[in-house]
């Protein structure tokens, strides 16, 4: 288990998908999700076959959020230059966490 942290504050418990298999699986097959899924390395995501909408944060190598978006099921995310990892959460989570572009995120084990 890991934690998604911004400025020393814990935003959520995090699962880290850092193998090819775990990144391909992502959140598929789940009906809901509490916390955050960190896909590392990852440059692009989709919600094909997803059962619920996702908030997605595209982050650079330093953890700076470059862009966020919400994707309904069966959508393809925009390409965001310089993305090195992606954070996914159930739609609405980023509003609760006040997560915005420009924030610096850290994943602590």
Protein backbone atom coordinates (compact mmCIF):
# COMPACT_ATOMS: atom_id res chain seq x y z
CA UNK A 1 0.00 0.00 0.00
CA UNK A 2 1.14 3.52 -0.76
CA UNK A 3 -0.14 7.05 -0.19
CA UNK A 4 -0.79 9.87 -2.64
CA UNK A 5 0.63 13.02 -1.06
CA UNK A 6 0.53 16.73 -1.96
CA UNK A 7 2.57 19.23 0.07
CA UNK A 8 2.87 16.76 2.94
CA UNK A 9 -0.89 16.13 3.09
CA UNK A 10 -2.19 12.64 2.34
CA UNK A 11 -4.88 12.81 -0.35
CA UNK A 12 -5.68 9.11 -0.58
CA UNK A 13 -4.49 5.55 -0.23
CA UNK A 14 -2.87 4.54 -3.51
CA UNK A 15 -2.33 1.38 -5.47
CA UNK A 16 0.73 1.48 -7.71
CA UNK A 17 0.55 -0.34 -11.06
CA UNK A 18 4.17 -0.57 -12.11
CA UNK A 19 4.25 -3.79 -14.13
CA UNK A 20 2.95 -4.26 -17.66
CA UNK A 21 0.26 -6.61 -16.43
CA UNK A 22 -0.95 -4.39 -13.59
CA UNK A 23 -1.02 -1.31 -15.86
CA UNK A 24 -3.05 -3.16 -18.54
CA UNK A 25 -5.53 -4.35 -15.90
CA UNK A 26 -5.84 -0.95 -14.24
CA UNK A 27 -9.33 -0.56 -12.82
CA UNK A 28 -11.02 -2.95 -15.26
CA UNK A 29 -13.57 -5.27 -13.69
CA UNK A 30 -14.24 -3.05 -10.70
CA UNK A 31 -17.61 -1.45 -10.00
CA UNK A 32 -16.14 1.39 -7.93
CA UNK A 33 -12.82 2.44 -6.46
CA UNK A 34 -11.76 4.25 -3.29
CA UNK A 35 -8.39 5.98 -3.38
CA UNK A 36 -6.00 6.44 -6.28
CA UNK A 37 -4.38 4.19 -8.85
CA UNK A 38 -0.93 5.32 -9.97
CA UNK A 39 0.13 3.97 -13.37
CA UNK A 40 3.91 4.21 -13.66
CA UNK A 41 5.29 4.55 -16.28
CA UNK A 42 2.30 5.65 -18.33
CA UNK A 43 1.69 8.33 -20.95
CA UNK A 44 -1.88 7.67 -22.10
CA UNK A 45 -5.07 5.99 -20.82
CA UNK A 46 -8.54 5.01 -21.98
CA UNK A 47 -11.77 3.94 -20.30
CA UNK A 48 -12.77 1.20 -22.74
CA UNK A 49 -14.79 -1.46 -20.87
CA UNK A 50 -14.79 0.63 -17.67
CA UNK A 51 -17.89 0.54 -15.48
CA UNK A 52 -17.61 4.03 -14.01
CA UNK A 53 -16.16 7.44 -14.95
CA UNK A 54 -12.62 8.39 -13.90
CA UNK A 55 -10.75 11.49 -12.90
CA UNK A 56 -7.32 11.37 -14.57
CA UNK A 57 -4.21 13.41 -13.73
CA UNK A 58 -1.28 13.46 -16.16
CA UNK A 59 2.00 14.05 -14.30
CA UNK A 60 5.55 14.81 -15.39
CA UNK A 61 8.66 13.05 -14.07
CA UNK A 62 8.76 15.35 -11.03
CA UNK A 63 5.14 14.64 -10.07
CA UNK A 64 3.80 17.98 -11.28
CA UNK A 65 0.21 17.66 -12.53
CA UNK A 66 0.21 18.82 -16.15
CA UNK A 67 -3.51 18.38 -16.81
CA UNK A 68 -6.60 16.75 -15.33
CA UNK A 69 -9.76 15.51 -16.98
CA UNK A 70 -12.79 13.36 -16.29
CA UNK A 71 -13.43 10.46 -18.66
CA UNK A 72 -16.74 8.64 -18.98
CA UNK A 73 -16.60 4.94 -19.90
CA UNK A 74 -15.61 4.16 -23.49
CA UNK A 75 -13.50 7.27 -23.98
CA UNK A 76 -9.87 7.89 -24.92
CA UNK A 77 -7.85 10.45 -22.98
CA UNK A 78 -6.13 13.34 -24.72
CA UNK A 79 -2.40 13.08 -25.32
CA UNK A 80 -0.51 15.28 -22.89
CA UNK A 81 3.12 16.05 -23.71
CA UNK A 82 5.75 15.22 -21.09
CA UNK A 83 3.48 12.81 -19.19
CA UNK A 84 5.49 10.17 -17.30
CA UNK A 85 2.84 8.76 -14.97
CA UNK A 86 -0.92 8.95 -14.53
CA UNK A 87 -3.14 9.02 -11.45
CA UNK A 88 -6.68 7.66 -11.77
CA UNK A 89 -9.52 7.94 -9.28
CA UNK A 90 -13.28 7.56 -9.35
CA UNK A 91 -14.88 10.69 -10.82
CA UNK A 92 -15.41 13.38 -8.19
CA UNK A 93 -12.32 12.49 -6.17
CA UNK A 94 -10.19 15.31 -7.60
CA UNK A 95 -12.84 17.86 -6.59
CA UNK A 96 -12.87 16.44 -3.04
CA UNK A 97 -9.06 16.58 -2.93
CA UNK A 98 -8.93 20.00 -4.67
CA UNK A 99 -6.42 18.50 -7.12
CA UNK A 100 -5.52 20.86 -9.95
CA UNK A 101 -2.96 21.29 -12.71
CA UNK A 102 0.25 22.63 -11.20
CA UNK A 103 0.01 20.59 -7.98
CA UNK A 104 3.05 18.50 -7.08
CA UNK A 105 2.20 14.89 -6.19
CA UNK A 106 4.32 12.29 -4.47
CA UNK A 107 3.70 8.58 -3.99
CA UNK A 108 4.97 7.40 -0.61
CA UNK A 109 5.34 3.70 0.14
